[in-house]
């Protein structure tokens, strides 16, 4: 029973895969500032995976406060989404690699 795929282990693997998937989805979602540009659009900073400072408000402002807030928002997103992905992947890998024990007929007697 040590290495068998039990219901509890299967449910733990599903939960770990869900945590990993949610972390990836959250990293994929765009990060916006609460401020709007002159056209009424929210200022986009990129996503958790890629930084995008090509918005005109960020380019024109140089290294101003909007750019700093963008970098801070991206850092906050990564600060909790990356550990979420690492924990989900770690638990999933640990459960998937857990070896199965072969029981010989002689040892059952």
Protein backbone atom coordinates (compact mmCIF):
# COMPACT_ATOMS: atom_id res chain seq x y z
CA UNK A 1 0.00 0.00 0.00
CA UNK A 2 3.05 2.25 0.31
CA UNK A 3 3.39 3.06 -3.38
CA UNK A 4 -0.12 2.39 -4.64
CA UNK A 5 -2.10 5.15 -6.26
CA UNK A 6 -4.68 5.59 -3.53
CA UNK A 7 -7.65 7.91 -3.66
CA UNK A 8 -5.97 10.24 -1.17
CA UNK A 9 -2.79 10.41 -3.25
CA UNK A 10 -4.77 10.96 -6.44
CA UNK A 11 -6.73 13.80 -4.84
CA UNK A 12 -3.48 15.33 -3.57
CA UNK A 13 -2.04 15.16 -7.10
CA UNK A 14 -5.16 16.82 -8.52
CA UNK A 15 -4.96 19.58 -5.88
CA UNK A 16 -1.24 20.13 -6.58
CA UNK A 17 -1.93 20.30 -10.33
CA UNK A 18 -4.71 22.83 -9.64
CA UNK A 19 -2.37 25.00 -7.53
CA UNK A 20 0.26 24.84 -10.28
CA UNK A 21 -2.33 25.68 -12.95
CA UNK A 22 -3.72 28.63 -10.99
CA UNK A 23 -0.19 29.97 -10.49
CA UNK A 24 0.54 29.75 -14.22
CA UNK A 25 -2.77 31.44 -15.09
CA UNK A 26 -2.12 34.25 -12.64
CA UNK A 27 1.36 34.80 -14.08
CA UNK A 28 -0.15 34.88 -17.58
CA UNK A 29 -2.78 37.52 -16.74
CA UNK A 30 -1.85 41.14 -17.55
CA UNK A 31 -0.85 43.51 -14.74
CA UNK A 32 -2.45 46.96 -14.86
CA UNK A 33 -1.95 50.11 -12.82
CA UNK A 34 -5.07 51.79 -11.42
CA UNK A 35 -4.14 54.95 -13.37
CA UNK A 36 -5.47 55.74 -16.84
CA UNK A 37 -3.65 57.38 -19.74
CA UNK A 38 -4.83 60.41 -21.71
CA UNK A 39 -7.01 58.14 -23.91
CA UNK A 40 -8.82 56.62 -20.94
CA UNK A 41 -7.05 53.26 -21.08
CA UNK A 42 -5.54 51.59 -18.05
CA UNK A 43 -1.76 51.51 -18.06
CA UNK A 44 -0.54 47.98 -18.74
CA UNK A 45 2.79 46.85 -17.29
CA UNK A 46 2.98 43.42 -18.91
CA UNK A 47 2.34 40.06 -17.28
CA UNK A 48 4.06 37.99 -14.64
CA UNK A 49 6.16 36.38 -17.34
CA UNK A 50 7.06 39.45 -19.43
CA UNK A 51 7.62 43.08 -18.54
CA UNK A 52 6.14 45.51 -21.08
CA UNK A 53 7.10 49.13 -20.54
CA UNK A 54 6.13 50.20 -24.06
CA UNK A 55 3.00 52.10 -22.99
CA UNK A 56 3.41 55.78 -24.01
CA UNK A 57 2.85 57.00 -20.45
CA UNK A 58 5.71 54.80 -19.25
CA UNK A 59 8.07 55.64 -22.13
CA UNK A 60 7.49 59.41 -21.95
CA UNK A 61 7.83 59.47 -18.19
CA UNK A 62 11.26 57.83 -18.23
CA UNK A 63 12.16 56.48 -14.81
CA UNK A 64 9.28 58.29 -13.13
CA UNK A 65 6.77 57.22 -10.49
CA UNK A 66 4.50 55.39 -12.97
CA UNK A 67 7.37 53.20 -14.12
CA UNK A 68 8.33 52.50 -10.50
CA UNK A 69 4.74 51.56 -9.62
CA UNK A 70 4.62 49.29 -12.68
CA UNK A 71 7.76 47.49 -11.59
CA UNK A 72 6.38 47.19 -8.07
CA UNK A 73 3.07 45.75 -9.32
CA UNK A 74 4.93 43.17 -11.41
CA UNK A 75 7.14 42.26 -8.46
CA UNK A 76 4.10 41.79 -6.21
CA UNK A 77 2.46 39.52 -8.77
CA UNK A 78 5.59 37.41 -9.09
CA UNK A 79 6.20 37.37 -5.31
CA UNK A 80 3.14 35.23 -4.65
CA UNK A 81 2.48 33.51 -8.00
CA UNK A 82 5.98 32.02 -8.40
CA UNK A 83 6.03 30.35 -4.95
CA UNK A 84 2.52 29.04 -5.68
CA UNK A 85 3.78 27.42 -8.89
CA UNK A 86 6.88 26.03 -7.15
CA UNK A 87 4.85 24.45 -4.34
CA UNK A 88 2.32 22.98 -6.77
CA UNK A 89 5.02 21.58 -9.04
CA UNK A 90 7.08 20.26 -6.12
CA UNK A 91 4.19 18.41 -4.53
CA UNK A 92 3.04 17.07 -7.89
CA UNK A 93 6.52 15.80 -8.76
CA UNK A 94 7.03 14.29 -5.30
CA UNK A 95 3.73 12.43 -5.51
CA UNK A 96 4.27 11.33 -9.10
CA UNK A 97 7.79 10.02 -8.46
CA UNK A 98 6.86 8.18 -5.30
CA UNK A 99 8.00 4.67 -6.12
CA UNK A 100 5.76 1.66 -6.17
CA UNK A 101 6.85 -1.28 -4.08
CA UNK A 102 6.81 -4.66 -5.75
CA UNK A 103 5.60 -7.31 -3.35
CA UNK A 104 6.70 -10.85 -4.05
CA UNK A 105 4.38 -13.78 -3.27
CA UNK A 106 6.91 -15.13 -0.75
CA UNK A 107 6.91 -11.94 1.34
CA UNK A 108 3.12 -12.04 1.69
CA UNK A 109 3.22 -15.35 3.56
